[in-house]
Amino acid sequence: MSKKNSSRPDGLAYSTNKDFFNDFPADENAETLPKEKQKLRVKLDTKQRAGKVVTLVDCFVGTIDDMEVLAKQLKTKCGTGGSVKDGYIIIQGDYKDKIVAWLKDWGYVLTK
């Protein structure tokens, strides 16, 4: 006797069908706040990175595309790699002070 998954009423736990979740409407309220209203937080992190330092930019409110554009600008300015993951802009290396200064110059005045 099989037990149904209690988190879903239909008992579905996993689907390999790529189109399974495409019937849900896209979030049309996703809107990027203007630069002067963004409250970005910049911090250093070494957790789960084998002791290597990365600079994290957190609290960006907006679309993933806009976050990726900002990440690309920061990576280019720092001359290093990085990515956008789990709502963070991740820049490889210790660039906290430089990133805060650049963000303020670019109009993100509430950056800390």
PDB file of N, CA and C in Angstrom:
ATOM      1  N   MET A   1       0.833  -1.165   0.000  1.00  0.00           N
ATOM      2  CA  MET A   1       0.000   0.000   0.000  1.00  0.00           C
ATOM      3  C   MET A   1       0.893   1.248   0.000  1.00  0.00           C
ATOM      4  N   SER A   2       0.713   2.112  -0.971  1.00  0.00           N
ATOM      5  CA  SER A   2       1.561   3.297  -1.059  1.00  0.00           C
ATOM      6  C   SER A   2       0.901   4.473  -0.347  1.00  0.00           C
ATOM      7  N   LYS A   3       1.757   5.289   0.223  1.00  0.00           N
ATOM      8  CA  LYS A   3       1.305   6.459   0.940  1.00  0.00           C
ATOM      9  C   LYS A   3       1.410   7.668   0.030  1.00  0.00           C
ATOM     10  N   LYS A   4       0.423   8.544   0.046  1.00  0.00           N
ATOM     11  CA  LYS A   4       0.497   9.778  -0.744  1.00  0.00           C
ATOM     12  C   LYS A   4       1.383  10.793  -0.036  1.00  0.00           C
ATOM     13  N   ASN A   5       2.043  11.595  -0.829  1.00  0.00           N
ATOM     14  CA  ASN A   5       2.868  12.671  -0.296  1.00  0.00           C
ATOM     15  C   ASN A   5       1.947  13.685   0.373  1.00  0.00           C
ATOM     16  N   SER A   6       2.186  13.961   1.644  1.00  0.00           N
ATOM     17  CA  SER A   6       1.294  14.847   2.386  1.00  0.00           C
ATOM     18  C   SER A   6       1.422  16.309   1.969  1.00  0.00           C
ATOM     19  N   SER A   7       2.523  16.698   1.302  1.00  0.00           N
ATOM     20  CA  SER A   7       2.691  18.090   0.920  1.00  0.00           C
ATOM     21  C   SER A   7       1.933  18.449  -0.359  1.00  0.00           C
ATOM     22  N   ARG A   8       1.570  17.452  -1.157  1.00  0.00           N
ATOM     23  CA  ARG A   8       0.824  17.700  -2.390  1.00  0.00           C
ATOM     24  C   ARG A   8      -0.403  16.812  -2.400  1.00  0.00           C
ATOM     25  N   PRO A   9      -1.562  17.352  -2.686  1.00  0.00           N
ATOM     26  CA  PRO A   9      -2.786  16.552  -2.665  1.00  0.00           C
ATOM     27  C   PRO A   9      -2.827  15.466  -3.748  1.00  0.00           C
ATOM     28  N   ASP A  10      -2.112  15.674  -4.864  1.00  0.00           N
ATOM     29  CA  ASP A  10      -2.144  14.672  -5.928  1.00  0.00           C
ATOM     30  C   ASP A  10      -1.068  13.609  -5.759  1.00  0.00           C
ATOM     31  N   GLY A  11      -0.214  13.752  -4.736  1.00  0.00           N
ATOM     32  CA  GLY A  11       0.796  12.750  -4.449  1.00  0.00           C
ATOM     33  C   GLY A  11       2.039  12.842  -5.311  1.00  0.00           C
ATOM     34  N   LEU A  12       2.127  13.824  -6.189  1.00  0.00           N
ATOM     35  CA  LEU A  12       3.272  13.962  -7.072  1.00  0.00           C
ATOM     36  C   LEU A  12       4.488  14.432  -6.277  1.00  0.00           C
ATOM     37  N   ALA A  13       5.581  13.707  -6.366  1.00  0.00           N
ATOM     38  CA  ALA A  13       6.793  14.090  -5.666  1.00  0.00           C
ATOM     39  C   ALA A  13       7.831  14.664  -6.618  1.00  0.00           C
ATOM     40  N   TYR A  14       7.861  14.173  -7.866  1.00  0.00           N
ATOM     41  CA  TYR A  14       8.868  14.620  -8.816  1.00  0.00           C
ATOM     42  C   TYR A  14       8.368  14.329 -10.222  1.00  0.00           C
ATOM     43  N   SER A  15       8.671  15.215 -11.138  1.00  0.00           N
ATOM     44  CA  SER A  15       8.277  15.006 -12.520  1.00  0.00           C
ATOM     45  C   SER A  15       9.453  15.305 -13.434  1.00  0.00           C
ATOM     46  N   THR A  16       9.659  14.475 -14.430  1.00  0.00           N
ATOM     47  CA  THR A  16      10.702  14.723 -15.414  1.00  0.00           C
ATOM     48  C   THR A  16      10.177  15.499 -16.617  1.00  0.00           C
ATOM     49  N   ASN A  17       8.888  15.767 -16.635  1.00  0.00           N
ATOM     50  CA  ASN A  17       8.267  16.508 -17.717  1.00  0.00           C
ATOM     51  C   ASN A  17       8.673  17.979 -17.604  1.00  0.00           C
ATOM     52  N   LYS A  18       9.421  18.480 -18.592  1.00  0.00           N
ATOM     53  CA  LYS A  18       9.913  19.857 -18.550  1.00  0.00           C
ATOM     54  C   LYS A  18       8.797  20.888 -18.626  1.00  0.00           C
ATOM     55  N   ASP A  19       7.662  20.530 -19.207  1.00  0.00           N
ATOM     56  CA  ASP A  19       6.559  21.464 -19.357  1.00  0.00           C
ATOM     57  C   ASP A  19       5.563  21.394 -18.207  1.00  0.00           C
ATOM     58  N   PHE A  20       5.843  20.600 -17.195  1.00  0.00           N
ATOM     59  CA  PHE A  20       4.883  20.386 -16.117  1.00  0.00           C
ATOM     60  C   PHE A  20       4.518  21.674 -15.404  1.00  0.00           C
ATOM     61  N   PHE A  21       5.498  22.516 -15.104  1.00  0.00           N
ATOM     62  CA  PHE A  21       5.242  23.731 -14.340  1.00  0.00           C
ATOM     63  C   PHE A  21       5.014  24.956 -15.210  1.00  0.00           C
ATOM     64  N   ASN A  22       4.955  24.803 -16.515  1.00  0.00           N
ATOM     65  CA  ASN A  22       4.771  25.947 -17.401  1.00  0.00           C
ATOM     66  C   ASN A  22       3.340  26.448 -17.454  1.00  0.00           C
ATOM     67  N   ASP A  23       2.404  25.777 -16.797  1.00  0.00           N
ATOM     68  CA  ASP A  23       1.024  26.233 -16.842  1.00  0.00           C
ATOM     69  C   ASP A  23       0.718  27.271 -15.772  1.00  0.00           C
ATOM     70  N   PHE A  24       1.687  27.604 -14.926  1.00  0.00           N
ATOM     71  CA  PHE A  24       1.478  28.616 -13.910  1.00  0.00           C
ATOM     72  C   PHE A  24       1.793  29.983 -14.498  1.00  0.00           C
ATOM     73  N   PRO A  25       1.009  31.006 -14.147  1.00  0.00           N
ATOM     74  CA  PRO A  25       1.272  32.334 -14.700  1.00  0.00           C
ATOM     75  C   PRO A  25       2.566  32.904 -14.158  1.00  0.00           C
ATOM     76  N   ALA A  26       3.239  33.675 -14.987  1.00  0.00           N
ATOM     77  CA  ALA A  26       4.487  34.317 -14.576  1.00  0.00           C
ATOM     78  C   ALA A  26       4.170  35.427 -13.585  1.00  0.00           C
ATOM     79  N   ASP A  27       5.119  35.715 -12.719  1.00  0.00           N
ATOM     80  CA  ASP A  27       4.937  36.784 -11.745  1.00  0.00           C
ATOM     81  C   ASP A  27       5.069  38.120 -12.466  1.00  0.00           C
ATOM     82  N   GLU A  28       3.948  38.766 -12.686  1.00  0.00           N
ATOM     83  CA  GLU A  28       3.958  40.019 -13.430  1.00  0.00           C
ATOM     84  C   GLU A  28       4.223  41.216 -12.532  1.00  0.00           C
ATOM     85  N   ASN A  29       4.276  40.984 -11.220  1.00  0.00           N
ATOM     86  CA  ASN A  29       4.543  42.073 -10.291  1.00  0.00           C
ATOM     87  C   ASN A  29       6.033  42.267 -10.065  1.00  0.00           C
ATOM     88  N   ALA A  30       6.860  41.408 -10.662  1.00  0.00           N
ATOM     89  CA  ALA A  30       8.297  41.538 -10.491  1.00  0.00           C
ATOM     90  C   ALA A  30       8.753  42.817 -11.178  1.00  0.00           C
ATOM     91  N   GLU A  31       9.140  43.779 -10.365  1.00  0.00           N
ATOM     92  CA  GLU A  31       9.535  45.077 -10.876  1.00  0.00           C
ATOM     93  C   GLU A  31      10.778  45.525 -10.130  1.00  0.00           C
ATOM     94  N   THR A  32      11.702  46.087 -10.823  1.00  0.00           N
ATOM     95  CA  THR A  32      12.937  46.533 -10.201  1.00  0.00           C
ATOM     96  C   THR A  32      12.747  47.917  -9.607  1.00  0.00           C
ATOM     97  N   LEU A  33      13.131  48.055  -8.333  1.00  0.00           N
ATOM     98  CA  LEU A  33      13.066  49.356  -7.685  1.00  0.00           C
ATOM     99  C   LEU A  33      14.099  50.293  -8.301  1.00  0.00           C
ATOM    100  N   PRO A  34      13.834  51.602  -8.294  1.00  0.00           N
ATOM    101  CA  PRO A  34      14.835  52.555  -8.783  1.00  0.00           C
ATOM    102  C   PRO A  34      16.100  52.487  -7.929  1.00  0.00           C
ATOM    103  N   LYS A  35      17.210  52.890  -8.501  1.00  0.00           N
ATOM    104  CA  LYS A  35      18.507  52.816  -7.817  1.00  0.00           C
ATOM    105  C   LYS A  35      18.486  53.514  -6.461  1.00  0.00           C
ATOM    106  N   GLU A  36      17.869  54.676  -6.399  1.00  0.00           N
ATOM    107  CA  GLU A  36      17.900  55.454  -5.158  1.00  0.00           C
ATOM    108  C   GLU A  36      17.058  54.833  -4.042  1.00  0.00           C
ATOM    109  N   LYS A  37      16.207  53.859  -4.363  1.00  0.00           N
ATOM    110  CA  LYS A  37      15.388  53.190  -3.343  1.00  0.00           C
ATOM    111  C   LYS A  37      15.916  51.806  -2.968  1.00  0.00           C
ATOM    112  N   GLN A  38      16.925  51.330  -3.667  1.00  0.00           N
ATOM    113  CA  GLN A  38      17.514  50.022  -3.359  1.00  0.00           C
ATOM    114  C   GLN A  38      18.340  50.125  -2.073  1.00  0.00           C
ATOM    115  N   LYS A  39      18.112  49.200  -1.149  1.00  0.00           N
ATOM    116  CA  LYS A  39      18.876  49.154   0.104  1.00  0.00           C
ATOM    117  C   LYS A  39      19.824  47.959   0.053  1.00  0.00           C
ATOM    118  N   LEU A  40      20.868  48.091  -0.745  1.00  0.00           N
ATOM    119  CA  LEU A  40      21.806  46.988  -0.942  1.00  0.00           C
ATOM    120  C   LEU A  40      22.738  46.850   0.249  1.00  0.00           C
ATOM    121  N   ARG A  41      23.068  45.600   0.586  1.00  0.00           N
ATOM    122  CA  ARG A  41      23.999  45.290   1.666  1.00  0.00           C
ATOM    123  C   ARG A  41      25.170  44.511   1.078  1.00  0.00           C
ATOM    124  N   VAL A  42      26.378  44.957   1.360  1.00  0.00           N
ATOM    125  CA  VAL A  42      27.590  44.317   0.840  1.00  0.00           C
ATOM    126  C   VAL A  42      28.344  43.729   2.026  1.00  0.00           C
ATOM    127  N   LYS A  43      28.691  42.436   1.920  1.00  0.00           N
ATOM    128  CA  LYS A  43      29.414  41.785   3.013  1.00  0.00           C
ATOM    129  C   LYS A  43      30.379  40.749   2.455  1.00  0.00           C
ATOM    130  N   LEU A  44      31.341  40.375   3.276  1.00  0.00           N
ATOM    131  CA  LEU A  44      32.310  39.345   2.913  1.00  0.00           C
ATOM    132  C   LEU A  44      31.838  38.015   3.476  1.00  0.00           C
ATOM    133  N   ASP A  45      32.182  36.926   2.774  1.00  0.00           N
ATOM    134  CA  ASP A  45      31.753  35.606   3.213  1.00  0.00           C
ATOM    135  C   ASP A  45      32.811  34.575   2.842  1.00  0.00           C
ATOM    136  N   THR A  46      32.994  33.572   3.713  1.00  0.00           N
ATOM    137  CA  THR A  46      33.902  32.461   3.425  1.00  0.00           C
ATOM    138  C   THR A  46      33.227  31.119   3.661  1.00  0.00           C
ATOM    139  N   LYS A  47      31.976  31.110   4.059  1.00  0.00           N
ATOM    140  CA  LYS A  47      31.280  29.865   4.385  1.00  0.00           C
ATOM    141  C   LYS A  47      31.120  28.983   3.155  1.00  0.00           C
ATOM    142  N   GLN A  48      31.404  27.699   3.323  1.00  0.00           N
ATOM    143  CA  GLN A  48      31.239  26.696   2.272  1.00  0.00           C
ATOM    144  C   GLN A  48      32.064  27.014   1.024  1.00  0.00           C
ATOM    145  N   ARG A  49      33.185  27.725   1.209  1.00  0.00           N
ATOM    146  CA  ARG A  49      33.994  28.100   0.051  1.00  0.00           C
ATOM    147  C   ARG A  49      35.465  27.749   0.249  1.00  0.00           C
ATOM    148  N   ALA A  50      35.745  26.766   1.077  1.00  0.00           N
ATOM    149  CA  ALA A  50      37.111  26.288   1.322  1.00  0.00           C
ATOM    150  C   ALA A  50      38.041  27.419   1.759  1.00  0.00           C
ATOM    151  N   GLY A  51      37.529  28.357   2.546  1.00  0.00           N
ATOM    152  CA  GLY A  51      38.350  29.449   3.065  1.00  0.00           C
ATOM    153  C   GLY A  51      38.555  30.604   2.116  1.00  0.00           C
ATOM    154  N   LYS A  52      38.060  30.505   0.908  1.00  0.00           N
ATOM    155  CA  LYS A  52      38.217  31.598  -0.061  1.00  0.00           C
ATOM    156  C   LYS A  52      37.166  32.680   0.219  1.00  0.00           C
ATOM    157  N   VAL A  53      37.572  33.921   0.053  1.00  0.00           N
ATOM    158  CA  VAL A  53      36.703  35.056   0.350  1.00  0.00           C
ATOM    159  C   VAL A  53      35.911  35.447  -0.892  1.00  0.00           C
ATOM    160  N   VAL A  54      34.628  35.712  -0.697  1.00  0.00           N
ATOM    161  CA  VAL A  54      33.803  36.285  -1.751  1.00  0.00           C
ATOM    162  C   VAL A  54      33.070  37.494  -1.173  1.00  0.00           C
ATOM    163  N   THR A  55      32.701  38.410  -2.036  1.00  0.00           N
ATOM    164  CA  THR A  55      31.926  39.574  -1.653  1.00  0.00           C
ATOM    165  C   THR A  55      30.486  39.336  -2.099  1.00  0.00           C
ATOM    166  N   LEU A  56      29.552  39.454  -1.161  1.00  0.00           N
ATOM    167  CA  LEU A  56      28.136  39.237  -1.453  1.00  0.00           C
ATOM    168  C   LEU A  56      27.400  40.564  -1.476  1.00  0.00           C
ATOM    169  N   VAL A  57      26.550  40.751  -2.469  1.00  0.00           N
ATOM    170  CA  VAL A  57      25.659  41.907  -2.529  1.00  0.00           C
ATOM    171  C   VAL A  57      24.258  41.341  -2.354  1.00  0.00           C
ATOM    172  N   ASP A  58      23.571  41.800  -1.306  1.00  0.00           N
ATOM    173  CA  ASP A  58      22.275  41.250  -0.919  1.00  0.00           C
ATOM    174  C   ASP A  58      21.209  42.342  -0.951  1.00  0.00           C
ATOM    175  N   CYS A  59      19.960  41.935  -0.860  1.00  0.00           N
ATOM    176  CA  CYS A  59      18.785  42.811  -0.735  1.00  0.00           C
ATOM    177  C   CYS A  59      18.421  43.536  -2.030  1.00  0.00           C
ATOM    178  N   PHE A  60      18.822  43.028  -3.182  1.00  0.00           N
ATOM    179  CA  PHE A  60      18.425  43.631  -4.459  1.00  0.00           C
ATOM    180  C   PHE A  60      16.968  43.290  -4.702  1.00  0.00           C
ATOM    181  N   VAL A  61      16.149  44.299  -4.975  1.00  0.00           N
ATOM    182  CA  VAL A  61      14.729  44.092  -5.249  1.00  0.00           C
ATOM    183  C   VAL A  61      14.505  44.344  -6.724  1.00  0.00           C
ATOM    184  N   GLY A  62      14.175  43.269  -7.454  1.00  0.00           N
ATOM    185  CA  GLY A  62      13.936  43.426  -8.877  1.00  0.00           C
ATOM    186  C   GLY A  62      14.029  42.114  -9.610  1.00  0.00           C
ATOM    187  N   THR A  63      14.072  42.213 -10.917  1.00  0.00           N
ATOM    188  CA  THR A  63      14.087  41.020 -11.751  1.00  0.00           C
ATOM    189  C   THR A  63      15.489  40.406 -11.776  1.00  0.00           C
ATOM    190  N   ILE A  64      15.537  39.137 -12.096  1.00  0.00           N
ATOM    191  CA  ILE A  64      16.813  38.424 -12.197  1.00  0.00           C
ATOM    192  C   ILE A  64      17.674  39.039 -13.303  1.00  0.00           C
ATOM    193  N   ASP A  65      17.035  39.444 -14.403  1.00  0.00           N
ATOM    194  CA  ASP A  65      17.792  40.044 -15.511  1.00  0.00           C
ATOM    195  C   ASP A  65      18.511  41.318 -15.066  1.00  0.00           C
ATOM    196  N   ASP A  66      17.816  42.170 -14.298  1.00  0.00           N
ATOM    197  CA  ASP A  66      18.439  43.406 -13.818  1.00  0.00           C
ATOM    198  C   ASP A  66      19.559  43.106 -12.826  1.00  0.00           C
ATOM    199  N   MET A  67      19.363  42.064 -12.007  1.00  0.00           N
ATOM    200  CA  MET A  67      20.410  41.674 -11.055  1.00  0.00           C
ATOM    201  C   MET A  67      21.642  41.163 -11.799  1.00  0.00           C
ATOM    202  N   GLU A  68      21.424  40.415 -12.874  1.00  0.00           N
ATOM    203  CA  GLU A  68      22.546  39.903 -13.666  1.00  0.00           C
ATOM    204  C   GLU A  68      23.300  41.026 -14.370  1.00  0.00           C
ATOM    205  N   VAL A  69      22.580  42.062 -14.801  1.00  0.00           N
ATOM    206  CA  VAL A  69      23.234  43.219 -15.426  1.00  0.00           C
ATOM    207  C   VAL A  69      24.134  43.921 -14.414  1.00  0.00           C
ATOM    208  N   LEU A  70      23.619  44.129 -13.195  1.00  0.00           N
ATOM    209  CA  LEU A  70      24.426  44.756 -12.147  1.00  0.00           C
ATOM    210  C   LEU A  70      25.631  43.885 -11.795  1.00  0.00           C
ATOM    211  N   ALA A  71      25.420  42.570 -11.722  1.00  0.00           N
ATOM    212  CA  ALA A  71      26.522  41.649 -11.417  1.00  0.00           C
ATOM    213  C   ALA A  71      27.603  41.731 -12.487  1.00  0.00           C
ATOM    214  N   LYS A  72      27.195  41.801 -13.738  1.00  0.00           N
ATOM    215  CA  LYS A  72      28.169  41.886 -14.828  1.00  0.00           C
ATOM    216  C   LYS A  72      28.980  43.176 -14.733  1.00  0.00           C
ATOM    217  N   GLN A  73      28.316  44.285 -14.397  1.00  0.00           N
ATOM    218  CA  GLN A  73      29.034  45.547 -14.238  1.00  0.00           C
ATOM    219  C   GLN A  73      30.063  45.458 -13.112  1.00  0.00           C
ATOM    220  N   LEU A  74      29.670  44.833 -11.992  1.00  0.00           N
ATOM    221  CA  LEU A  74      30.580  44.707 -10.858  1.00  0.00           C
ATOM    222  C   LEU A  74      31.748  43.775 -11.179  1.00  0.00           C
ATOM    223  N   LYS A  75      31.462  42.662 -11.849  1.00  0.00           N
ATOM    224  CA  LYS A  75      32.527  41.730 -12.214  1.00  0.00           C
ATOM    225  C   LYS A  75      33.526  42.394 -13.159  1.00  0.00           C
ATOM    226  N   THR A  76      33.025  43.166 -14.106  1.00  0.00           N
ATOM    227  CA  THR A  76      33.890  43.856 -15.061  1.00  0.00           C
ATOM    228  C   THR A  76      34.746  44.896 -14.337  1.00  0.00           C
ATOM    229  N   LYS A  77      34.122  45.646 -13.445  1.00  0.00           N
ATOM    230  CA  LYS A  77      34.840  46.683 -12.702  1.00  0.00           C
ATOM    231  C   LYS A  77      35.923  46.089 -11.808  1.00  0.00           C
ATOM    232  N   CYS A  78      35.611  44.925 -11.184  1.00  0.00           N
ATOM    233  CA  CYS A  78      36.578  44.263 -10.294  1.00  0.00           C
ATOM    234  C   CYS A  78      37.603  43.453 -11.074  1.00  0.00           C
ATOM    235  N   GLY A  79      37.293  43.085 -12.299  1.00  0.00           N
ATOM    236  CA  GLY A  79      38.197  42.267 -13.089  1.00  0.00           C
ATOM    237  C   GLY A  79      38.289  40.845 -12.564  1.00  0.00           C
ATOM    238  N   THR A  80      37.167  40.326 -12.084  1.00  0.00           N
ATOM    239  CA  THR A  80      37.150  38.992 -11.496  1.00  0.00           C
ATOM    240  C   THR A  80      35.855  38.273 -11.858  1.00  0.00           C
ATOM    241  N   GLY A  81      35.744  37.039 -11.449  1.00  0.00           N
ATOM    242  CA  GLY A  81      34.551  36.255 -11.730  1.00  0.00           C
ATOM    243  C   GLY A  81      33.495  36.433 -10.660  1.00  0.00           C
ATOM    244  N   GLY A  82      32.375  35.795 -10.900  1.00  0.00           N
ATOM    245  CA  GLY A  82      31.280  35.855  -9.949  1.00  0.00           C
ATOM    246  C   GLY A  82      30.033  35.285 -10.570  1.00  0.00           C
ATOM    247  N   SER A  83      28.921  35.390  -9.838  1.00  0.00           N
ATOM    248  CA  SER A  83      27.654  34.853 -10.335  1.00  0.00           C
ATOM    249  C   SER A  83      26.493  35.477  -9.581  1.00  0.00           C
ATOM    250  N   VAL A  84      25.288  35.120 -10.024  1.00  0.00           N
ATOM    251  CA  VAL A  84      24.058  35.473  -9.337  1.00  0.00           C
ATOM    252  C   VAL A  84      23.429  34.170  -8.898  1.00  0.00           C
ATOM    253  N   LYS A  85      23.203  34.031  -7.580  1.00  0.00           N
ATOM    254  CA  LYS A  85      22.673  32.773  -7.069  1.00  0.00           C
ATOM    255  C   LYS A  85      21.905  33.019  -5.780  1.00  0.00           C
ATOM    256  N   ASP A  86      20.722  32.433  -5.685  1.00  0.00           N
ATOM    257  CA  ASP A  86      19.896  32.502  -4.470  1.00  0.00           C
ATOM    258  C   ASP A  86      19.649  33.933  -3.997  1.00  0.00           C
ATOM    259  N   GLY A  87      19.489  34.865  -4.905  1.00  0.00           N
ATOM    260  CA  GLY A  87      19.207  36.247  -4.532  1.00  0.00           C
ATOM    261  C   GLY A  87      20.434  37.065  -4.164  1.00  0.00           C
ATOM    262  N   TYR A  88      21.609  36.505  -4.325  1.00  0.00           N
ATOM    263  CA  TYR A  88      22.854  37.203  -4.033  1.00  0.00           C
ATOM    264  C   TYR A  88      23.634  37.434  -5.311  1.00  0.00           C
ATOM    265  N   ILE A  89      24.349  38.563  -5.349  1.00  0.00           N
ATOM    266  CA  ILE A  89      25.377  38.762  -6.358  1.00  0.00           C
ATOM    267  C   ILE A  89      26.676  38.360  -5.675  1.00  0.00           C
ATOM    268  N   ILE A  90      27.367  37.382  -6.245  1.00  0.00           N
ATOM    269  CA  ILE A  90      28.587  36.852  -5.649  1.00  0.00           C
ATOM    270  C   ILE A  90      29.776  37.278  -6.509  1.00  0.00           C
ATOM    271  N   ILE A  91      30.712  37.999  -5.895  1.00  0.00           N
ATOM    272  CA  ILE A  91      31.921  38.457  -6.575  1.00  0.00           C
ATOM    273  C   ILE A  91      33.111  37.780  -5.899  1.00  0.00           C
ATOM    274  N   GLN A  92      33.952  37.131  -6.674  1.00  0.00           N
ATOM    275  CA  GLN A  92      35.101  36.416  -6.110  1.00  0.00           C
ATOM    276  C   GLN A  92      36.153  37.405  -5.630  1.00  0.00           C
ATOM    277  N   GLY A  93      36.527  37.285  -4.359  1.00  0.00           N
ATOM    278  CA  GLY A  93      37.570  38.136  -3.794  1.00  0.00           C
ATOM    279  C   GLY A  93      37.009  39.164  -2.827  1.00  0.00           C
ATOM    280  N   ASP A  94      37.909  39.881  -2.161  1.00  0.00           N
ATOM    281  CA  ASP A  94      37.553  40.896  -1.177  1.00  0.00           C
ATOM    282  C   ASP A  94      37.514  42.270  -1.861  1.00  0.00           C
ATOM    283  N   TYR A  95      36.331  42.660  -2.301  1.00  0.00           N
ATOM    284  CA  TYR A  95      36.138  43.944  -2.983  1.00  0.00           C
ATOM    285  C   TYR A  95      35.071  44.784  -2.292  1.00  0.00           C
ATOM    286  N   LYS A  96      34.822  44.532  -1.011  1.00  0.00           N
ATOM    287  CA  LYS A  96      33.711  45.175  -0.313  1.00  0.00           C
ATOM    288  C   LYS A  96      33.761  46.703  -0.401  1.00  0.00           C
ATOM    289  N   ASP A  97      34.881  47.294  -0.006  1.00  0.00           N
ATOM    290  CA  ASP A  97      34.976  48.762   0.012  1.00  0.00           C
ATOM    291  C   ASP A  97      34.828  49.364  -1.382  1.00  0.00           C
ATOM    292  N   LYS A  98      35.460  48.725  -2.371  1.00  0.00           N
ATOM    293  CA  LYS A  98      35.373  49.222  -3.740  1.00  0.00           C
ATOM    294  C   LYS A  98      33.946  49.122  -4.268  1.00  0.00           C
ATOM    295  N   ILE A  99      33.279  47.995  -4.001  1.00  0.00           N
ATOM    296  CA  ILE A  99      31.915  47.796  -4.502  1.00  0.00           C
ATOM    297  C   ILE A  99      30.959  48.793  -3.867  1.00  0.00           C
ATOM    298  N   VAL A 100      31.092  49.037  -2.566  1.00  0.00           N
ATOM    299  CA  VAL A 100      30.236  50.027  -1.903  1.00  0.00           C
ATOM    300  C   VAL A 100      30.441  51.402  -2.547  1.00  0.00           C
ATOM    301  N   ALA A 101      31.682  51.773  -2.789  1.00  0.00           N
ATOM    302  CA  ALA A 101      31.972  53.080  -3.403  1.00  0.00           C
ATOM    303  C   ALA A 101      31.390  53.159  -4.814  1.00  0.00           C
ATOM    304  N   TRP A 102      31.570  52.103  -5.619  1.00  0.00           N
ATOM    305  CA  TRP A 102      31.036  52.112  -6.986  1.00  0.00           C
ATOM    306  C   TRP A 102      29.515  52.177  -6.991  1.00  0.00           C
ATOM    307  N   LEU A 103      28.881  51.399  -6.126  1.00  0.00           N
ATOM    308  CA  LEU A 103      27.414  51.402  -6.085  1.00  0.00           C
ATOM    309  C   LEU A 103      26.887  52.790  -5.719  1.00  0.00           C
ATOM    310  N   LYS A 104      27.532  53.450  -4.767  1.00  0.00           N
ATOM    311  CA  LYS A 104      27.101  54.804  -4.396  1.00  0.00           C
ATOM    312  C   LYS A 104      27.316  55.778  -5.551  1.00  0.00           C
ATOM    313  N   ASP A 105      28.426  55.627  -6.270  1.00  0.00           N
ATOM    314  CA  ASP A 105      28.680  56.476  -7.437  1.00  0.00           C
ATOM    315  C   ASP A 105      27.638  56.250  -8.530  1.00  0.00           C
ATOM    316  N   TRP A 106      27.151  55.012  -8.651  1.00  0.00           N
ATOM    317  CA  TRP A 106      26.179  54.669  -9.690  1.00  0.00           C
ATOM    318  C   TRP A 106      24.743  55.010  -9.295  1.00  0.00           C
ATOM    319  N   GLY A 107      24.530  55.573  -8.095  1.00  0.00           N
ATOM    320  CA  GLY A 107      23.198  56.011  -7.701  1.00  0.00           C
ATOM    321  C   GLY A 107      22.511  55.146  -6.664  1.00  0.00           C
ATOM    322  N   TYR A 108      23.159  54.091  -6.190  1.00  0.00           N
ATOM    323  CA  TYR A 108      22.589  53.248  -5.129  1.00  0.00           C
ATOM    324  C   TYR A 108      22.998  53.855  -3.793  1.00  0.00           C
ATOM    325  N   VAL A 109      22.347  54.961  -3.416  1.00  0.00           N
ATOM    326  CA  VAL A 109      22.776  55.778  -2.281  1.00  0.00           C
ATOM    327  C   VAL A 109      22.518  55.133  -0.925  1.00  0.00           C
ATOM    328  N   LEU A 110      21.640  54.157  -0.814  1.00  0.00           N
ATOM    329  CA  LEU A 110      21.331  53.521   0.467  1.00  0.00           C
ATOM    330  C   LEU A 110      22.180  52.289   0.725  1.00  0.00           C
ATOM    331  N   THR A 111      23.264  52.113  -0.015  1.00  0.00           N
ATOM    332  CA  THR A 111      24.129  50.959   0.111  1.00  0.00           C
ATOM    333  C   THR A 111      24.976  51.034   1.364  1.00  0.00           C
ATOM    334  N   LYS A 112      25.096  49.893   2.051  1.00  0.00           N
ATOM    335  CA  LYS A 112      25.967  49.810   3.241  1.00  0.00           C
ATOM    336  C   LYS A 112      26.903  48.653   3.080  1.00  0.00           C
TER     337      LYS A 112
END
